[in-house]
PDB file of all heavy atoms in Angstrom:
ATOM      1  N   HIS A   1     161.348 160.577 210.244  1.00  0.00           N
ATOM      2  CA  HIS A   1     162.408 159.594 209.994  1.00  0.00           C
ATOM      3  C   HIS A   1     163.777 160.258 209.997  1.00  0.00           C
ATOM      4  O   HIS A   1     164.725 159.788 210.640  1.00  0.00           O
ATOM      5  CB  HIS A   1     162.164 158.896 208.654  1.00  0.00           C
ATOM      6  CG  HIS A   1     161.457 157.596 208.769  1.00  0.00           C
ATOM      7  ND1 HIS A   1     162.096 156.408 208.994  1.00  0.00           N
ATOM      8  CD2 HIS A   1     160.141 157.306 208.678  1.00  0.00           C
ATOM      9  CE1 HIS A   1     161.214 155.430 209.042  1.00  0.00           C
ATOM     10  NE2 HIS A   1     160.014 155.948 208.849  1.00  0.00           N
ATOM     11  N   LEU A   2     163.900 161.344 209.235  1.00  0.00           N
ATOM     12  CA  LEU A   2     165.185 162.025 209.123  1.00  0.00           C
ATOM     13  C   LEU A   2     165.627 162.593 210.466  1.00  0.00           C
ATOM     14  O   LEU A   2     166.819 162.528 210.814  1.00  0.00           O
ATOM     15  CB  LEU A   2     165.086 163.144 208.078  1.00  0.00           C
ATOM     16  CG  LEU A   2     164.845 162.709 206.629  1.00  0.00           C
ATOM     17  CD1 LEU A   2     164.681 163.931 205.728  1.00  0.00           C
ATOM     18  CD2 LEU A   2     165.970 161.829 206.122  1.00  0.00           C
ATOM     19  N   GLN A   3     164.672 163.133 211.218  1.00  0.00           N
ATOM     20  CA  GLN A   3     165.013 163.734 212.502  1.00  0.00           C
ATOM     21  C   GLN A   3     165.520 162.683 213.487  1.00  0.00           C
ATOM     22  O   GLN A   3     166.502 162.894 214.206  1.00  0.00           O
ATOM     23  CB  GLN A   3     163.788 164.456 213.083  1.00  0.00           C
ATOM     24  CG  GLN A   3     164.094 165.291 214.311  1.00  0.00           C
ATOM     25  CD  GLN A   3     165.024 166.449 214.013  1.00  0.00           C
ATOM     26  OE1 GLN A   3     164.848 167.170 213.036  1.00  0.00           O
ATOM     27  NE2 GLN A   3     166.049 166.631 214.848  1.00  0.00           N
ATOM     28  N   ARG A   4     164.849 161.521 213.524  1.00  0.00           N
ATOM     29  CA  ARG A   4     165.258 160.475 214.460  1.00  0.00           C
ATOM     30  C   ARG A   4     166.649 159.941 214.144  1.00  0.00           C
ATOM     31  O   ARG A   4     167.456 159.693 215.042  1.00  0.00           O
ATOM     32  CB  ARG A   4     164.242 159.321 214.447  1.00  0.00           C
ATOM     33  CG  ARG A   4     162.958 159.597 215.192  1.00  0.00           C
ATOM     34  CD  ARG A   4     162.230 158.300 215.522  1.00  0.00           C
ATOM     35  NE  ARG A   4     161.982 157.487 214.340  1.00  0.00           N
ATOM     36  CZ  ARG A   4     160.883 157.575 213.583  1.00  0.00           C
ATOM     37  NH1 ARG A   4     159.939 158.457 213.898  1.00  0.00           N
ATOM     38  NH2 ARG A   4     160.720 156.798 212.544  1.00  0.00           N
ATOM     39  N   ARG A   5     166.931 159.735 212.856  1.00  0.00           N
ATOM     40  CA  ARG A   5     168.193 159.099 212.474  1.00  0.00           C
ATOM     41  C   ARG A   5     169.355 160.089 212.342  1.00  0.00           C
ATOM     42  O   ARG A   5     170.508 159.725 212.565  1.00  0.00           O
ATOM     43  CB  ARG A   5     168.012 158.336 211.157  1.00  0.00           C
ATOM     44  CG  ARG A   5     167.114 157.128 211.284  1.00  0.00           C
ATOM     45  CD  ARG A   5     167.646 156.167 212.357  1.00  0.00           C
ATOM     46  NE  ARG A   5     166.775 155.042 212.570  1.00  0.00           N
ATOM     47  CZ  ARG A   5     166.867 153.883 211.920  1.00  0.00           C
ATOM     48  NH1 ARG A   5     167.790 153.728 210.997  1.00  0.00           N
ATOM     49  NH2 ARG A   5     166.039 152.906 212.190  1.00  0.00           N
ATOM     50  N   PHE A   6     169.075 161.317 211.930  1.00  0.00           N
ATOM     51  CA  PHE A   6     170.169 162.231 211.598  1.00  0.00           C
ATOM     52  C   PHE A   6     170.103 163.569 212.323  1.00  0.00           C
ATOM     53  O   PHE A   6     170.971 164.410 212.146  1.00  0.00           O
ATOM     54  CB  PHE A   6     170.169 162.500 210.083  1.00  0.00           C
ATOM     55  CG  PHE A   6     170.207 161.268 209.241  1.00  0.00           C
ATOM     56  CD1 PHE A   6     169.046 160.786 208.630  1.00  0.00           C
ATOM     57  CD2 PHE A   6     171.386 160.570 209.058  1.00  0.00           C
ATOM     58  CE1 PHE A   6     169.076 159.644 207.847  1.00  0.00           C
ATOM     59  CE2 PHE A   6     171.425 159.427 208.277  1.00  0.00           C
ATOM     60  CZ  PHE A   6     170.263 158.953 207.677  1.00  0.00           C
ATOM     61  N   GLY A   7     169.073 163.768 213.151  1.00  0.00           N
ATOM     62  CA  GLY A   7     168.850 165.078 213.746  1.00  0.00           C
ATOM     63  C   GLY A   7     169.955 165.571 214.660  1.00  0.00           C
ATOM     64  O   GLY A   7     170.126 166.775 214.848  1.00  0.00           O
ATOM     65  N   ALA A   8     170.730 164.669 215.248  1.00  0.00           N
ATOM     66  CA  ALA A   8     171.795 165.100 216.157  1.00  0.00           C
ATOM     67  C   ALA A   8     172.911 165.835 215.431  1.00  0.00           C
ATOM     68  O   ALA A   8     173.548 166.733 216.005  1.00  0.00           O
ATOM     69  CB  ALA A   8     172.368 163.887 216.895  1.00  0.00           C
ATOM     70  N   ASP A   9     173.154 165.475 214.173  1.00  0.00           N
ATOM     71  CA  ASP A   9     174.282 166.043 213.436  1.00  0.00           C
ATOM     72  C   ASP A   9     173.863 166.873 212.230  1.00  0.00           C
ATOM     73  O   ASP A   9     174.699 167.599 211.666  1.00  0.00           O
ATOM     74  CB  ASP A   9     175.214 164.929 212.962  1.00  0.00           C
ATOM     75  CG  ASP A   9     175.779 164.123 214.111  1.00  0.00           C
ATOM     76  OD1 ASP A   9     176.335 164.738 215.038  1.00  0.00           O
ATOM     77  OD2 ASP A   9     175.629 162.883 214.103  1.00  0.00           O
ATOM     78  N   TYR A  10     172.612 166.755 211.815  1.00  0.00           N
ATOM     79  CA  TYR A  10     172.151 167.453 210.619  1.00  0.00           C
ATOM     80  C   TYR A  10     170.899 168.269 210.921  1.00  0.00           C
ATOM     81  O   TYR A  10     170.116 167.928 211.808  1.00  0.00           O
ATOM     82  CB  TYR A  10     171.856 166.452 209.493  1.00  0.00           C
ATOM     83  CG  TYR A  10     173.090 165.750 208.983  1.00  0.00           C
ATOM     84  CD1 TYR A  10     173.609 164.638 209.644  1.00  0.00           C
ATOM     85  CD2 TYR A  10     173.757 166.217 207.852  1.00  0.00           C
ATOM     86  CE1 TYR A  10     174.760 164.011 209.184  1.00  0.00           C
ATOM     87  CE2 TYR A  10     174.903 165.590 207.393  1.00  0.00           C
ATOM     88  CZ  TYR A  10     175.406 164.488 208.061  1.00  0.00           C
ATOM     89  OH  TYR A  10     176.532 163.873 207.608  1.00  0.00           O
ATOM     90  N   ARG A  11     170.722 169.329 210.166  1.00  0.00           N
ATOM     91  CA  ARG A  11     169.535 170.162 210.280  1.00  0.00           C
ATOM     92  C   ARG A  11     168.476 169.622 209.324  1.00  0.00           C
ATOM     93  O   ARG A  11     168.699 169.577 208.113  1.00  0.00           O
ATOM     94  CB  ARG A  11     169.900 171.607 209.932  1.00  0.00           C
ATOM     95  CG  ARG A  11     168.793 172.627 210.122  1.00  0.00           C
ATOM     96  CD  ARG A  11     169.393 174.033 210.119  1.00  0.00           C
ATOM     97  NE  ARG A  11     170.184 174.296 208.932  1.00  0.00           N
ATOM     98  CZ  ARG A  11     169.810 175.145 207.967  1.00  0.00           C
ATOM     99  NH1 ARG A  11     168.670 175.790 208.039  1.00  0.00           N
ATOM    100  NH2 ARG A  11     170.607 175.341 206.926  1.00  0.00           N
ATOM    101  N   VAL A  12     167.346 169.195 209.835  1.00  0.00           N
ATOM    102  CA  VAL A  12     166.294 168.588 209.028  1.00  0.00           C
ATOM    103  C   VAL A  12     165.196 169.625 208.780  1.00  0.00           C
ATOM    104  O   VAL A  12     164.695 170.255 209.724  1.00  0.00           O
ATOM    105  CB  VAL A  12     165.705 167.346 209.723  1.00  0.00           C
ATOM    106  CG1 VAL A  12     164.539 166.785 208.930  1.00  0.00           C
ATOM    107  CG2 VAL A  12     166.794 166.286 209.910  1.00  0.00           C
ATOM    108  N   ARG A  13     164.834 169.796 207.497  1.00  0.00           N
ATOM    109  CA  ARG A  13     163.756 170.719 207.147  1.00  0.00           C
ATOM    110  C   ARG A  13     162.812 170.040 206.166  1.00  0.00           C
ATOM    111  O   ARG A  13     163.233 169.225 205.334  1.00  0.00           O
ATOM    112  CB  ARG A  13     164.321 171.978 206.501  1.00  0.00           C
ATOM    113  CG  ARG A  13     164.900 172.978 207.468  1.00  0.00           C
ATOM    114  CD  ARG A  13     163.827 173.766 208.205  1.00  0.00           C
ATOM    115  NE  ARG A  13     163.025 174.571 207.299  1.00  0.00           N
ATOM    116  CZ  ARG A  13     163.319 175.833 206.963  1.00  0.00           C
ATOM    117  NH1 ARG A  13     164.411 176.416 207.450  1.00  0.00           N
ATOM    118  NH2 ARG A  13     162.540 176.512 206.151  1.00  0.00           N
ATOM    119  N   GLY A  14     161.563 170.398 206.245  1.00  0.00           N
ATOM    120  CA  GLY A  14     160.571 169.945 205.290  1.00  0.00           C
ATOM    121  C   GLY A  14     159.835 171.132 204.713  1.00  0.00           C
ATOM    122  O   GLY A  14     159.531 172.099 205.430  1.00  0.00           O
ATOM    123  N   GLU A  15     159.562 171.084 203.418  1.00  0.00           N
ATOM    124  CA  GLU A  15     158.821 172.151 202.745  1.00  0.00           C
ATOM    125  C   GLU A  15     157.711 171.534 201.895  1.00  0.00           C
ATOM    126  O   GLU A  15     157.897 170.470 201.296  1.00  0.00           O
ATOM    127  CB  GLU A  15     159.738 172.998 201.865  1.00  0.00           C
ATOM    128  CG  GLU A  15     160.833 173.747 202.607  1.00  0.00           C
ATOM    129  CD  GLU A  15     160.300 174.877 203.478  1.00  0.00           C
ATOM    130  OE1 GLU A  15     159.085 175.192 203.375  1.00  0.00           O
ATOM    131  OE2 GLU A  15     161.082 175.451 204.255  1.00  0.00           O
ATOM    132  N   LEU A  16     156.569 172.237 201.834  1.00  0.00           N
ATOM    133  CA  LEU A  16     155.410 171.741 201.075  1.00  0.00           C
ATOM    134  C   LEU A  16     155.436 172.184 199.617  1.00  0.00           C
ATOM    135  O   LEU A  16     154.757 171.586 198.780  1.00  0.00           O
ATOM    136  CB  LEU A  16     154.115 172.224 201.730  1.00  0.00           C
ATOM    137  CG  LEU A  16     153.799 171.623 203.104  1.00  0.00           C
ATOM    138  CD1 LEU A  16     152.688 172.413 203.778  1.00  0.00           C
ATOM    139  CD2 LEU A  16     153.390 170.159 202.954  1.00  0.00           C
ATOM    140  N   THR A  17     156.216 173.214 199.308  1.00  0.00           N
ATOM    141  CA  THR A  17     156.223 173.750 197.947  1.00  0.00           C
ATOM    142  C   THR A  17     157.644 173.869 197.417  1.00  0.00           C
ATOM    143  O   THR A  17     158.598 174.062 198.180  1.00  0.00           O
ATOM    144  CB  THR A  17     155.568 175.132 197.886  1.00  0.00           C
ATOM    145  OG1 THR A  17     156.387 176.081 198.595  1.00  0.00           O
ATOM    146  CG2 THR A  17     154.164 175.101 198.504  1.00  0.00           C
ATOM    147  N   SER A  18     157.762 173.794 196.101  1.00  0.00           N
ATOM    148  CA  SER A  18     159.075 173.938 195.480  1.00  0.00           C
ATOM    149  C   SER A  18     159.591 175.367 195.620  1.00  0.00           C
ATOM    150  O   SER A  18     160.799 175.590 195.726  1.00  0.00           O
ATOM    151  CB  SER A  18     159.004 173.537 194.003  1.00  0.00           C
ATOM    152  OG  SER A  18     157.997 174.265 193.334  1.00  0.00           O
ATOM    153  N   GLY A  19     158.681 176.336 195.645  1.00  0.00           N
ATOM    154  CA  GLY A  19     159.100 177.725 195.806  1.00  0.00           C
ATOM    155  C   GLY A  19     159.768 177.969 197.139  1.00  0.00           C
ATOM    156  O   GLY A  19     160.827 178.610 197.214  1.00  0.00           O
ATOM    157  N   ALA A  20     159.167 177.448 198.206  1.00  0.00           N
ATOM    158  CA  ALA A  20     159.765 177.610 199.533  1.00  0.00           C
ATOM    159  C   ALA A  20     161.093 176.871 199.628  1.00  0.00           C
ATOM    160  O   ALA A  20     162.049 177.354 200.251  1.00  0.00           O
ATOM    161  CB  ALA A  20     158.792 177.100 200.593  1.00  0.00           C
ATOM    162  N   ALA A  21     161.174 175.704 199.014  1.00  0.00           N
ATOM    163  CA  ALA A  21     162.419 174.942 199.028  1.00  0.00           C
ATOM    164  C   ALA A  21     163.528 175.692 198.295  1.00  0.00           C
ATOM    165  O   ALA A  21     164.679 175.763 198.764  1.00  0.00           O
ATOM    166  CB  ALA A  21     162.202 173.575 198.398  1.00  0.00           C
ATOM    167  N   LEU A  22     163.204 176.269 197.139  1.00  0.00           N
ATOM    168  CA  LEU A  22     164.197 177.015 196.375  1.00  0.00           C
ATOM    169  C   LEU A  22     164.706 178.217 197.151  1.00  0.00           C
ATOM    170  O   LEU A  22     165.907 178.524 197.143  1.00  0.00           O
ATOM    171  CB  LEU A  22     163.600 177.468 195.037  1.00  0.00           C
ATOM    172  CG  LEU A  22     163.843 176.568 193.831  1.00  0.00           C
ATOM    173  CD1 LEU A  22     163.183 177.158 192.591  1.00  0.00           C
ATOM    174  CD2 LEU A  22     165.332 176.370 193.598  1.00  0.00           C
ATOM    175  N   GLU A  23     163.806 178.901 197.825  1.00  0.00           N
ATOM    176  CA  GLU A  23     164.216 180.061 198.612  1.00  0.00           C
ATOM    177  C   GLU A  23     165.196 179.640 199.706  1.00  0.00           C
ATOM    178  O   GLU A  23     166.221 180.296 199.936  1.00  0.00           O
ATOM    179  CB  GLU A  23     162.984 180.730 199.226  1.00  0.00           C
ATOM    180  CG  GLU A  23     163.312 181.992 200.011  1.00  0.00           C
ATOM    181  CD  GLU A  23     162.068 182.670 200.573  1.00  0.00           C
ATOM    182  OE1 GLU A  23     160.945 182.212 200.266  1.00  0.00           O
ATOM    183  OE2 GLU A  23     162.235 183.655 201.328  1.00  0.00           O
ATOM    184  N   LEU A  24     164.901 178.535 200.380  1.00  0.00           N
ATOM    185  CA  LEU A  24     165.789 178.033 201.415  1.00  0.00           C
ATOM    186  C   LEU A  24     167.146 177.651 200.844  1.00  0.00           C
ATOM    187  O   LEU A  24     168.201 177.977 201.408  1.00  0.00           O
ATOM    188  CB  LEU A  24     165.144 176.833 202.109  1.00  0.00           C
ATOM    189  CG  LEU A  24     166.003 176.079 203.130  1.00  0.00           C
ATOM    190  CD1 LEU A  24     166.406 176.994 204.287  1.00  0.00           C
ATOM    191  CD2 LEU A  24     165.258 174.854 203.646  1.00  0.00           C
ATOM    192  N   LEU A  25     167.144 176.957 199.713  1.00  0.00           N
ATOM    193  CA  LEU A  25     168.388 176.499 199.110  1.00  0.00           C
ATOM    194  C   LEU A  25     169.250 177.668 198.635  1.00  0.00           C
ATOM    195  O   LEU A  25     170.480 177.641 198.752  1.00  0.00           O
ATOM    196  CB  LEU A  25     168.081 175.554 197.945  1.00  0.00           C
ATOM    197  CG  LEU A  25     167.503 174.194 198.354  1.00  0.00           C
ATOM    198  CD1 LEU A  25     166.863 173.506 197.161  1.00  0.00           C
ATOM    199  CD2 LEU A  25     168.589 173.322 198.965  1.00  0.00           C
ATOM    200  N   ARG A  26     168.610 178.685 198.097  1.00  0.00           N
ATOM    201  CA  ARG A  26     169.362 179.872 197.667  1.00  0.00           C
ATOM    202  C   ARG A  26     169.943 180.620 198.855  1.00  0.00           C
ATOM    203  O   ARG A  26     171.069 181.127 198.788  1.00  0.00           O
ATOM    204  CB  ARG A  26     168.445 180.778 196.838  1.00  0.00           C
ATOM    205  CG  ARG A  26     168.188 180.226 195.430  1.00  0.00           C
ATOM    206  CD  ARG A  26     167.126 180.996 194.707  1.00  0.00           C
ATOM    207  NE  ARG A  26     166.930 180.494 193.335  1.00  0.00           N
ATOM    208  CZ  ARG A  26     165.795 180.562 192.671  1.00  0.00           C
ATOM    209  NH1 ARG A  26     164.719 181.120 193.238  1.00  0.00           N
ATOM    210  NH2 ARG A  26     165.711 180.079 191.443  1.00  0.00           N
TER     211      ARG A  26
END
């Protein structure tokens, strides 16, 4: 959904764990 609507202007990422998400955000 995010890729179709916003992928042209935004970088869309998905993570399965909070640890991986935190690492990306940091």
